[in-house]
Amino acid sequence: MQRALSPCTAHTAGAGRATILRAALDMAAVSFVLAHNHPSGDPTPTGEDHAMTHELRHLSHELNVPLQAHVIVTPSGRYAAVME
């Protein structure tokens, strides 16, 4: 099952940590994968991508619904894993 949490543009941030975790809990997930886009075309993870992944990984384990992967995709189909 998948759920889009927040539309993003080049000038707006996506869903916050609480929104992401609430969605996983609402869906009774046993784990989840997070994916988001980089409209710039560069899938390289930013400092914020790494920080969010680190925090979500910790919080999701505390809630017993672990983050399994975080992937960044681009309009051209390029992608990068923030964590594996």
Protein backbone atom coordinates (compact mmCIF):
# COMPACT_ATOMS: atom_id res chain seq x y z
CA MET A 1 0.00 0.00 0.00
CA GLN A 2 1.28 3.49 -0.71
CA ARG A 3 0.20 6.95 0.35
CA ALA A 4 1.28 10.37 -0.91
CA LEU A 5 1.64 12.58 2.14
CA SER A 6 2.45 16.00 0.79
CA PRO A 7 2.85 17.59 -2.62
CA CYS A 8 6.22 19.28 -2.97
CA THR A 9 7.67 21.84 -5.30
CA ALA A 10 11.17 23.18 -5.71
CA HIS A 11 10.29 25.84 -3.13
CA THR A 12 8.33 23.94 -0.48
CA ALA A 13 9.23 21.26 2.01
CA GLY A 14 7.46 17.94 2.14
CA ALA A 15 5.73 16.15 4.94
CA GLY A 16 7.08 16.48 8.45
CA ARG A 17 8.31 13.69 10.65
CA ALA A 18 5.08 13.47 12.67
CA THR A 19 2.97 13.27 9.49
CA ILE A 20 5.13 10.46 8.12
CA LEU A 21 5.04 8.43 11.32
CA ARG A 22 1.30 9.04 11.82
CA ALA A 23 0.62 7.73 8.30
CA ALA A 24 2.62 4.56 8.99
CA LEU A 25 0.73 3.99 12.25
CA ASP A 26 -2.66 4.80 10.69
CA MET A 27 -2.00 2.19 7.99
CA ALA A 28 -1.05 -0.40 10.64
CA ALA A 29 2.31 -0.82 8.91
CA VAL A 30 4.88 -3.21 10.32
CA SER A 31 7.59 -1.16 8.56
CA PHE A 32 7.78 1.43 5.80
CA VAL A 33 9.85 2.86 2.96
CA LEU A 34 10.07 6.61 2.47
CA ALA A 35 10.53 8.10 -1.00
CA HIS A 36 10.59 11.70 -2.08
CA ASN A 37 11.60 13.66 -5.14
CA HIS A 38 14.30 16.17 -5.97
CA PRO A 39 12.82 18.23 -8.82
CA SER A 40 16.31 19.64 -9.53
CA GLY A 41 17.27 16.35 -11.15
CA ASP A 42 20.12 15.74 -8.70
CA PRO A 43 19.28 12.77 -6.44
CA THR A 44 22.22 13.43 -4.11
CA PRO A 45 20.94 13.42 -0.50
CA THR A 46 21.15 16.79 1.25
CA GLY A 47 22.12 17.37 4.85
CA GLU A 48 18.42 17.69 5.69
CA ASP A 49 17.73 14.36 3.95
CA HIS A 50 20.35 12.66 6.11
CA ALA A 51 19.14 14.38 9.30
CA MET A 52 15.51 13.46 8.63
CA THR A 53 16.46 9.86 7.85
CA HIS A 54 18.49 9.55 11.04
CA GLU A 55 15.69 10.98 13.17
CA LEU A 56 12.94 8.95 11.47
CA ARG A 57 14.98 5.79 11.80
CA HIS A 58 15.32 6.34 15.55
CA LEU A 59 11.69 7.40 16.13
CA SER A 60 10.23 4.66 13.94
CA HIS A 61 12.12 1.96 15.85
CA GLU A 62 10.80 3.41 19.12
CA LEU A 63 7.27 3.04 17.69
CA ASN A 64 7.94 -0.52 16.44
CA VAL A 65 7.30 0.44 12.82
CA PRO A 66 10.86 0.72 11.45
CA LEU A 67 11.91 2.77 8.48
CA GLN A 68 13.41 0.23 6.06
CA ALA A 69 14.70 2.55 3.33
CA HIS A 70 14.68 6.18 2.21
CA VAL A 71 15.00 6.80 -1.52
CA ILE A 72 15.25 10.03 -3.52
CA VAL A 73 13.96 10.03 -7.10
CA THR A 74 14.17 12.60 -9.88
CA PRO A 75 11.92 13.40 -12.85
CA SER A 76 14.45 11.73 -15.20
CA GLY A 77 14.34 8.48 -13.23
CA ARG A 78 17.67 8.87 -11.46
CA TYR A 79 17.60 7.81 -7.83
CA ALA A 80 19.75 7.54 -4.71
CA ALA A 81 19.34 5.76 -1.41
CA VAL A 82 19.70 7.90 1.70
CA MET A 83 19.93 4.70 3.71
CA GLU A 84 20.04 1.02 2.88
